[in-house]
Amino acid sequence: MAVIRLGRRAAAASVRALLVLWFVVPLVPLVLWVFANRWTFPDVLPQEWGLDGMRSAADAGAARAFATSTALALSVSAIATPLGALAARALFSGRVHLPGVVAAILFAPVCLPPFAVALGLDVLVLRSGVASSVAVVAILTVAALPYTTYVMRVAFGAYDRGYEEEARTLGASRATVLRRVQIPLLAPALSGAAFLAFLVGWSDYIVTLLIGGGRLITVPILVASFASGTGNDSVVAALSMLALIPPLVLLITLSRTVRGSAS
């Protein structure tokens, strides 16, 4: 038995190591490009080190794009997470007529091509006179709803409503039950749903470009702008590393939060 347990631990450690390599190895050239002023084939390492890429990214407005992307992603997350939780609870409790149709409508944004949807809505936004920033947040919120709804629907499937009933028996109001019972028990799922919604807003390019009409400059738009040209590898690398920071920090924080709540 001890040999079997050691074998399982070794296999699990090997799988974890392979997963780490799978995600880390592609980042190595990216990190090298950040600190490379000149790197041409066939040299393995850059011929000239420097920070020209970071300076060019800063001059191009990387700080402002970072702030715009952060505000956009946080807005989408703040709206899509509670809406997804409400939709999931309604679907799970059976209070919705034709739940299959409602679920199909909620998950439709995953199936529809983003470019076609954004191109069609662009005309509608222009004719309605809605502010581009508001329209982008609204459309990305709809795009994030399938993910938040799915995560919360799974969470409600494992949710024990007996805690709510016991709290109400003890005289707790609906607001108290929500604040002291529901949210703490669903906190890991809410964090995961918020993270996915944040990723939708943070990484979007098509909707922000078409609906924003070039007035919302985010990090993905800057990356695509420099990547479309030649000789901008160091700038693209610097902007790409900048784009990795918030999701990575949130993922580490989320994993620690879930691990702490589980223990």
Protein backbone atom coordinates (compact mmCIF):
# COMPACT_ATOMS: atom_id res chain seq x y z
CA MET A 1 0.00 0.00 0.00
CA ALA A 2 2.82 2.37 0.82
CA VAL A 3 4.37 1.71 -2.59
CA ILE A 4 1.05 2.42 -4.29
CA ARG A 5 0.64 5.69 -2.40
CA LEU A 6 4.17 6.74 -3.30
CA GLY A 7 3.48 5.90 -6.92
CA ARG A 8 0.32 7.97 -6.93
CA ARG A 9 2.10 10.91 -5.32
CA ALA A 10 4.92 10.67 -7.86
CA ALA A 11 2.40 10.55 -10.73
CA ALA A 12 0.50 13.55 -9.33
CA ALA A 13 3.76 15.49 -8.90
CA SER A 14 4.76 14.62 -12.47
CA VAL A 15 1.43 15.83 -13.82
CA ARG A 16 1.72 19.10 -11.86
CA ALA A 17 5.28 19.60 -13.14
CA LEU A 18 4.17 19.02 -16.74
CA LEU A 19 1.31 21.49 -16.34
CA VAL A 20 3.68 24.10 -14.92
CA LEU A 21 6.07 23.57 -17.84
CA TRP A 22 3.17 23.75 -20.28
CA PHE A 23 2.24 27.23 -19.08
CA VAL A 24 5.68 28.58 -18.13
CA VAL A 25 7.84 27.57 -21.10
CA PRO A 26 5.95 29.74 -23.65
CA LEU A 27 6.47 32.73 -21.35
CA VAL A 28 10.26 32.42 -21.37
CA PRO A 29 10.76 34.02 -24.84
CA LEU A 30 8.21 36.68 -23.88
CA VAL A 31 10.17 37.62 -20.75
CA LEU A 32 13.42 37.71 -22.72
CA TRP A 33 11.85 39.98 -25.34
CA VAL A 34 10.82 42.44 -22.62
CA PHE A 35 14.49 43.08 -21.82
CA ALA A 36 15.80 42.79 -25.38
CA ASN A 37 16.59 45.77 -27.58
CA ARG A 38 17.78 43.53 -30.42
CA TRP A 39 17.29 39.79 -30.88
CA THR A 40 17.71 38.26 -34.29
CA PHE A 41 17.91 34.73 -35.59
CA PRO A 42 19.82 32.44 -35.09
CA ASP A 43 21.12 33.65 -31.68
CA VAL A 44 19.57 31.88 -28.71
CA LEU A 45 19.75 34.97 -26.49
CA PRO A 46 19.29 38.68 -27.33
CA GLN A 47 22.31 40.43 -28.80
CA GLU A 48 21.48 43.68 -27.02
CA TRP A 49 19.73 44.03 -23.68
CA GLY A 50 17.71 47.06 -22.65
CA LEU A 51 14.33 48.52 -21.80
CA ASP A 52 13.39 50.13 -25.11
CA GLY A 53 10.24 48.00 -25.29
CA MET A 54 9.00 49.21 -21.91
CA ARG A 55 9.76 52.82 -22.79
CA SER A 56 7.89 52.55 -26.09
CA ALA A 57 4.94 50.90 -24.36
CA ALA A 58 4.84 53.68 -21.78
CA ASP A 59 5.03 56.34 -24.49
CA ALA A 60 2.15 54.62 -26.33
CA GLY A 61 -0.12 55.06 -23.31
CA ALA A 62 0.22 51.70 -21.58
CA ALA A 63 -0.67 53.16 -18.17
CA ARG A 64 -3.89 54.71 -19.43
CA ALA A 65 -4.80 51.55 -21.35
CA PHE A 66 -4.17 49.51 -18.20
CA ALA A 67 -6.49 51.76 -16.20
CA THR A 68 -9.18 51.56 -18.91
CA SER A 69 -8.94 47.77 -19.09
CA THR A 70 -9.12 47.49 -15.31
CA ALA A 71 -12.17 49.74 -15.05
CA LEU A 72 -13.89 47.90 -17.89
CA ALA A 73 -13.19 44.45 -16.45
CA LEU A 74 -14.24 45.46 -12.93
CA SER A 75 -17.49 46.97 -14.23
CA VAL A 76 -18.34 43.82 -16.18
CA SER A 77 -17.50 41.64 -13.19
CA ALA A 78 -19.51 43.77 -10.75
CA ILE A 79 -22.62 43.59 -12.94
CA ALA A 80 -22.41 40.08 -14.42
CA THR A 81 -21.69 38.28 -11.13
CA PRO A 82 -24.87 39.20 -9.22
CA LEU A 83 -26.97 38.87 -12.38
CA GLY A 84 -25.55 35.40 -12.99
CA ALA A 85 -26.23 34.45 -9.37
CA LEU A 86 -29.85 35.63 -9.61
CA ALA A 87 -30.37 33.82 -12.93
CA ALA A 88 -28.82 30.62 -11.57
CA ARG A 89 -30.96 30.71 -8.42
CA ALA A 90 -34.12 31.27 -10.45
CA LEU A 91 -33.28 28.40 -12.80
CA PHE A 92 -32.34 26.08 -9.95
CA SER A 93 -35.40 26.85 -7.83
CA GLY A 94 -37.77 26.22 -10.74
CA ARG A 95 -39.41 29.64 -10.52
CA VAL A 96 -38.86 30.33 -14.23
CA HIS A 97 -41.38 29.31 -16.87
CA LEU A 98 -39.82 27.42 -19.77
CA PRO A 99 -36.42 27.08 -18.05
CA GLY A 100 -34.92 25.37 -21.10
CA VAL A 101 -35.71 28.35 -23.31
CA VAL A 102 -34.42 30.81 -20.71
CA ALA A 103 -31.21 28.81 -20.30
CA ALA A 104 -30.74 28.70 -24.08
CA ILE A 105 -31.11 32.49 -24.26
CA LEU A 106 -28.64 33.00 -21.40
CA PHE A 107 -26.05 30.73 -22.99
CA ALA A 108 -26.59 32.01 -26.55
CA PRO A 109 -23.67 34.50 -26.42
CA VAL A 110 -21.25 31.56 -26.20
CA CYS A 111 -22.55 30.13 -29.48
CA LEU A 112 -22.83 33.35 -31.49
CA PRO A 113 -19.75 34.68 -33.36
CA PRO A 114 -18.53 37.78 -31.45
CA PHE A 115 -17.55 39.64 -34.62
CA ALA A 116 -20.98 39.25 -36.21
CA VAL A 117 -22.77 40.28 -33.02
CA ALA A 118 -20.53 43.29 -32.45
CA LEU A 119 -20.82 44.40 -36.07
CA GLY A 120 -24.61 44.25 -35.93
CA LEU A 121 -24.86 45.98 -32.57
CA ASP A 122 -22.45 48.71 -33.69
CA VAL A 123 -25.12 50.11 -36.02
CA LEU A 124 -27.74 49.91 -33.27
CA VAL A 125 -25.50 51.72 -30.77
CA LEU A 126 -24.70 54.49 -33.23
CA ARG A 127 -28.37 55.07 -34.06
CA SER A 128 -29.55 54.91 -30.44
CA GLY A 129 -27.01 57.47 -29.25
CA VAL A 130 -25.87 55.36 -26.28
CA ALA A 131 -22.41 56.25 -24.98
CA SER A 132 -19.82 53.86 -26.35
CA SER A 133 -18.39 53.05 -22.91
CA VAL A 134 -21.84 52.15 -21.56
CA ALA A 135 -22.58 50.03 -24.63
CA VAL A 136 -19.29 48.14 -24.32
CA VAL A 137 -19.91 47.36 -20.65
CA ALA A 138 -23.48 46.23 -21.40
CA ILE A 139 -22.49 43.94 -24.27
CA LEU A 140 -19.56 42.42 -22.41
CA THR A 141 -21.81 41.85 -19.40
CA VAL A 142 -24.14 39.84 -21.64
CA ALA A 143 -21.13 37.93 -22.95
CA ALA A 144 -20.02 37.15 -19.39
CA LEU A 145 -23.45 36.02 -18.16
CA PRO A 146 -23.17 32.44 -19.50
CA TYR A 147 -20.03 31.88 -17.45
CA THR A 148 -21.30 33.44 -14.23
CA THR A 149 -24.67 31.69 -14.57
CA TYR A 150 -23.06 28.29 -15.13
CA VAL A 151 -20.67 28.61 -12.18
CA MET A 152 -23.43 29.74 -9.84
CA ARG A 153 -25.86 27.10 -11.09
CA VAL A 154 -23.34 24.41 -10.17
CA ALA A 155 -22.85 26.09 -6.80
CA PHE A 156 -26.58 26.16 -6.08
CA GLY A 157 -26.72 22.48 -6.95
CA ALA A 158 -24.48 21.78 -3.96
CA TYR A 159 -26.07 24.46 -1.78
CA ASP A 160 -27.94 23.40 1.33
CA ARG A 161 -30.96 25.65 1.85
CA GLY A 162 -31.41 24.21 5.33
CA TYR A 163 -29.07 26.88 6.65
CA GLU A 164 -31.40 29.59 5.33
CA GLU A 165 -34.46 27.94 6.83
CA GLU A 166 -32.73 27.59 10.19
CA ALA A 167 -31.70 31.26 10.14
CA ARG A 168 -35.26 32.35 9.35
CA THR A 169 -36.56 30.11 12.14
CA LEU A 170 -34.28 32.02 14.51
CA GLY A 171 -35.80 35.30 13.35
CA ALA A 172 -33.28 36.50 10.76
CA SER A 173 -34.57 38.84 8.07
CA ARG A 174 -34.02 38.27 4.35
CA ALA A 175 -31.23 40.82 4.32
CA THR A 176 -29.54 39.13 7.27
CA VAL A 177 -29.87 35.70 5.64
CA LEU A 178 -28.34 37.07 2.46
CA ARG A 179 -25.49 38.80 4.26
CA ARG A 180 -24.72 36.22 6.96
CA VAL A 181 -25.69 32.91 5.32
CA GLN A 182 -25.98 32.94 1.53
CA ILE A 183 -22.99 35.08 0.60
CA PRO A 184 -20.50 33.36 2.98
CA LEU A 185 -21.57 29.89 1.81
CA LEU A 186 -21.44 30.87 -1.87
CA ALA A 187 -18.31 33.02 -1.57
CA PRO A 188 -15.97 30.58 -3.42
CA ALA A 189 -18.41 30.25 -6.33
CA LEU A 190 -19.04 34.01 -6.40
CA SER A 191 -15.28 34.61 -6.50
CA GLY A 192 -14.88 32.16 -9.39
CA ALA A 193 -17.76 33.72 -11.32
CA ALA A 194 -16.39 37.22 -10.73
CA PHE A 195 -12.97 36.07 -11.96
CA LEU A 196 -14.41 34.67 -15.19
CA ALA A 197 -16.43 37.85 -15.78
CA PHE A 198 -13.31 39.91 -15.15
CA LEU A 199 -11.45 37.88 -17.79
CA VAL A 200 -14.21 38.51 -20.33
CA GLY A 201 -13.93 42.27 -19.85
CA TRP A 202 -10.14 42.30 -19.53
CA SER A 203 -9.28 40.21 -22.59
CA ASP A 204 -11.93 41.44 -25.03
CA TYR A 205 -10.76 42.99 -28.28
CA ILE A 206 -13.54 42.78 -30.88
CA VAL A 207 -16.41 44.35 -28.93
CA THR A 208 -14.21 47.07 -27.43
CA LEU A 209 -12.78 47.95 -30.84
CA LEU A 210 -16.01 47.97 -32.84
CA ILE A 211 -18.48 49.27 -30.27
CA GLY A 212 -15.94 51.57 -28.61
CA GLY A 213 -15.15 53.09 -31.98
CA GLY A 214 -11.50 53.60 -31.09
CA ARG A 215 -12.32 55.80 -28.11
CA LEU A 216 -11.66 53.05 -25.55
CA ILE A 217 -7.99 52.10 -25.76
CA THR A 218 -7.40 48.95 -23.71
CA VAL A 219 -4.34 46.76 -23.30
CA PRO A 220 -5.53 44.14 -25.85
CA ILE A 221 -6.10 46.88 -28.42
CA LEU A 222 -2.60 48.24 -27.85
CA VAL A 223 -1.12 44.75 -28.14
CA ALA A 224 -2.96 44.10 -31.42
CA SER A 225 -1.95 47.51 -32.76
CA PHE A 226 1.77 46.91 -32.23
CA ALA A 227 1.58 43.24 -33.22
CA SER A 228 0.18 44.18 -36.62
CA GLY A 229 3.46 45.94 -37.46
CA THR A 230 7.01 44.68 -37.79
CA GLY A 231 9.96 45.25 -35.47
CA ASN A 232 7.73 45.76 -32.41
CA ASP A 233 8.48 42.47 -30.67
CA SER A 234 9.85 44.05 -27.50
CA VAL A 235 6.89 46.44 -27.21
CA VAL A 236 4.40 43.61 -27.78
CA ALA A 237 6.19 41.53 -25.16
CA ALA A 238 6.09 44.35 -22.61
CA LEU A 239 2.38 44.97 -23.22
CA SER A 240 1.63 41.24 -23.12
CA MET A 241 3.35 40.88 -19.76
CA LEU A 242 1.34 43.85 -18.54
CA ALA A 243 -1.83 42.08 -19.68
CA LEU A 244 -0.88 38.96 -17.71
CA ILE A 245 -0.45 40.68 -14.34
CA PRO A 246 -4.09 41.25 -13.19
CA PRO A 247 -5.45 37.80 -14.17
CA LEU A 248 -2.43 36.11 -12.61
CA VAL A 249 -2.74 38.06 -9.36
CA LEU A 250 -6.47 37.39 -9.20
CA LEU A 251 -5.98 33.69 -9.93
CA ILE A 252 -3.42 33.32 -7.13
CA THR A 253 -5.67 35.24 -4.74
CA LEU A 254 -8.68 33.16 -5.73
CA SER A 255 -6.83 29.85 -5.30
CA ARG A 256 -5.66 30.88 -1.83
CA THR A 257 -9.15 32.03 -0.86
CA VAL A 258 -10.76 28.78 -2.01
CA ARG A 259 -8.05 26.75 -0.31
CA GLY A 260 -8.50 28.69 2.93
CA SER A 261 -12.29 28.27 2.89
CA ALA A 262 -11.94 24.57 2.18
CA SER A 263 -9.59 24.07 5.12
